[in-house]
Amino acid sequence: MEEVETKYPHDEFIEGYLHQDIENSYTEREIETAKKQVEIESYMLSNGMLYEQEKEIVKYNIQKIAENVVPWWEATEA
């Protein structure tokens, strides 16, 4: 990355491209983490380890992950 910045020190296109690449990799990692968390929650749901409101939250999270959306992004960005 430093090599590109040295070669193109004030190139906004390259800078934007690098930042977008970093953001994309972060987003992919967040989605994978969310999928793993929801997988654990779904096991808890199917084994009767959750009650009342927790069940509804997990069902919502499962639905959002199926749509490839991190469920808690909406709450933090609002």
C-alpha atoms as a PDB file:
ATOM      1  CA  MET A   1       0.000   0.000   0.000  1.00  0.00           C
ATOM      2  CA  GLU A   2       2.853   2.383   0.786  1.00  0.00           C
ATOM      3  CA  GLU A   3       4.324   1.607  -2.625  1.00  0.00           C
ATOM      4  CA  VAL A   4       1.124   2.739  -4.359  1.00  0.00           C
ATOM      5  CA  GLU A   5       0.890   5.849  -2.182  1.00  0.00           C
ATOM      6  CA  THR A   6       4.508   6.731  -3.008  1.00  0.00           C
ATOM      7  CA  LYS A   7       3.972   6.244  -6.745  1.00  0.00           C
ATOM      8  CA  TYR A   8       0.679   8.182  -6.768  1.00  0.00           C
ATOM      9  CA  PRO A   9       0.915  10.560  -3.794  1.00  0.00           C
ATOM     10  CA  HIS A  10      -2.074  12.779  -4.660  1.00  0.00           C
ATOM     11  CA  ASP A  11      -4.160  10.523  -6.860  1.00  0.00           C
ATOM     12  CA  GLU A  12      -7.680  10.678  -5.416  1.00  0.00           C
ATOM     13  CA  PHE A  13      -8.892   7.797  -7.579  1.00  0.00           C
ATOM     14  CA  ILE A  14      -6.257   5.400  -6.254  1.00  0.00           C
ATOM     15  CA  GLU A  15      -6.831   6.642  -2.709  1.00  0.00           C
ATOM     16  CA  GLY A  16     -10.582   6.096  -3.055  1.00  0.00           C
ATOM     17  CA  TYR A  17      -9.996   2.654  -4.527  1.00  0.00           C
ATOM     18  CA  LEU A  18      -7.788   1.623  -1.600  1.00  0.00           C
ATOM     19  CA  HIS A  19     -10.284   2.901   0.963  1.00  0.00           C
ATOM     20  CA  GLN A  20     -13.149   1.122  -0.816  1.00  0.00           C
ATOM     21  CA  ASP A  21     -11.156  -2.112  -0.847  1.00  0.00           C
ATOM     22  CA  ILE A  22     -10.545  -1.826   2.892  1.00  0.00           C
ATOM     23  CA  GLU A  23     -14.229  -1.089   3.515  1.00  0.00           C
ATOM     24  CA  ASN A  24     -15.303  -4.067   1.384  1.00  0.00           C
ATOM     25  CA  SER A  25     -13.027  -6.467   3.255  1.00  0.00           C
ATOM     26  CA  TYR A  26     -14.303  -5.104   6.589  1.00  0.00           C
ATOM     27  CA  THR A  27     -17.912  -5.573   5.462  1.00  0.00           C
ATOM     28  CA  GLU A  28     -17.242  -9.152   4.344  1.00  0.00           C
ATOM     29  CA  ARG A  29     -15.639  -9.939   7.695  1.00  0.00           C
ATOM     30  CA  GLU A  30     -18.589  -8.403   9.584  1.00  0.00           C
ATOM     31  CA  ILE A  31     -21.082 -10.473   7.584  1.00  0.00           C
ATOM     32  CA  GLU A  32     -19.126 -13.686   8.231  1.00  0.00           C
ATOM     33  CA  THR A  33     -18.957 -12.901  11.952  1.00  0.00           C
ATOM     34  CA  ALA A  34     -22.694 -12.180  12.029  1.00  0.00           C
ATOM     35  CA  LYS A  35     -23.446 -15.459  10.244  1.00  0.00           C
ATOM     36  CA  LYS A  36     -21.442 -17.390  12.845  1.00  0.00           C
ATOM     37  CA  GLN A  37     -23.183 -15.604  15.707  1.00  0.00           C
ATOM     38  CA  VAL A  38     -26.634 -16.236  14.238  1.00  0.00           C
ATOM     39  CA  GLU A  39     -25.713 -19.894  13.684  1.00  0.00           C
ATOM     40  CA  ILE A  40     -24.951 -20.212  17.400  1.00  0.00           C
ATOM     41  CA  GLU A  41     -28.197 -18.397  18.265  1.00  0.00           C
ATOM     42  CA  SER A  42     -30.199 -20.727  16.010  1.00  0.00           C
ATOM     43  CA  TYR A  43     -28.751 -23.766  17.824  1.00  0.00           C
ATOM     44  CA  MET A  44     -29.739 -22.175  21.122  1.00  0.00           C
ATOM     45  CA  LEU A  45     -33.247 -21.561  19.758  1.00  0.00           C
ATOM     46  CA  SER A  46     -33.682 -25.131  18.529  1.00  0.00           C
ATOM     47  CA  ASN A  47     -32.413 -26.527  21.852  1.00  0.00           C
ATOM     48  CA  GLY A  48     -34.861 -24.469  23.917  1.00  0.00           C
ATOM     49  CA  MET A  49     -32.231 -22.261  25.520  1.00  0.00           C
ATOM     50  CA  LEU A  50     -33.990 -18.983  24.678  1.00  0.00           C
ATOM     51  CA  TYR A  51     -37.198 -17.522  26.050  1.00  0.00           C
ATOM     52  CA  GLU A  52     -39.891 -15.059  24.980  1.00  0.00           C
ATOM     53  CA  GLN A  53     -38.357 -11.923  23.486  1.00  0.00           C
ATOM     54  CA  GLU A  54     -34.998 -13.627  22.872  1.00  0.00           C
ATOM     55  CA  LYS A  55     -36.745 -16.060  20.498  1.00  0.00           C
ATOM     56  CA  GLU A  56     -38.208 -13.209  18.472  1.00  0.00           C
ATOM     57  CA  ILE A  57     -34.847 -11.440  18.256  1.00  0.00           C
ATOM     58  CA  VAL A  58     -33.102 -14.605  17.058  1.00  0.00           C
ATOM     59  CA  LYS A  59     -35.823 -15.282  14.471  1.00  0.00           C
ATOM     60  CA  TYR A  60     -35.395 -11.711  13.191  1.00  0.00           C
ATOM     61  CA  ASN A  61     -31.597 -12.123  13.064  1.00  0.00           C
ATOM     62  CA  ILE A  62     -31.928 -15.401  11.128  1.00  0.00           C
ATOM     63  CA  GLN A  63     -34.233 -13.708   8.626  1.00  0.00           C
ATOM     64  CA  LYS A  64     -31.840 -10.768   8.126  1.00  0.00           C
ATOM     65  CA  ILE A  65     -28.797 -13.015   7.690  1.00  0.00           C
ATOM     66  CA  ALA A  66     -30.716 -14.934   5.010  1.00  0.00           C
ATOM     67  CA  GLU A  67     -31.002 -11.569   3.216  1.00  0.00           C
ATOM     68  CA  ASN A  68     -27.210 -11.119   3.675  1.00  0.00           C
ATOM     69  CA  VAL A  69     -27.708  -8.163   6.029  1.00  0.00           C
ATOM     70  CA  VAL A  70     -26.052  -7.752   9.420  1.00  0.00           C
ATOM     71  CA  PRO A  71     -29.096  -7.349  11.723  1.00  0.00           C
ATOM     72  CA  TRP A  72     -27.583  -4.939  14.227  1.00  0.00           C
ATOM     73  CA  TRP A  73     -26.238  -2.492  11.606  1.00  0.00           C
ATOM     74  CA  GLU A  74     -29.682  -0.955  11.208  1.00  0.00           C
ATOM     75  CA  ALA A  75     -29.971  -0.266  14.932  1.00  0.00           C
ATOM     76  CA  THR A  76     -26.538   1.351  15.240  1.00  0.00           C
ATOM     77  CA  GLU A  77     -26.769   3.440  12.072  1.00  0.00           C
ATOM     78  CA  ALA A  78     -30.218   4.871  12.821  1.00  0.00           C
END
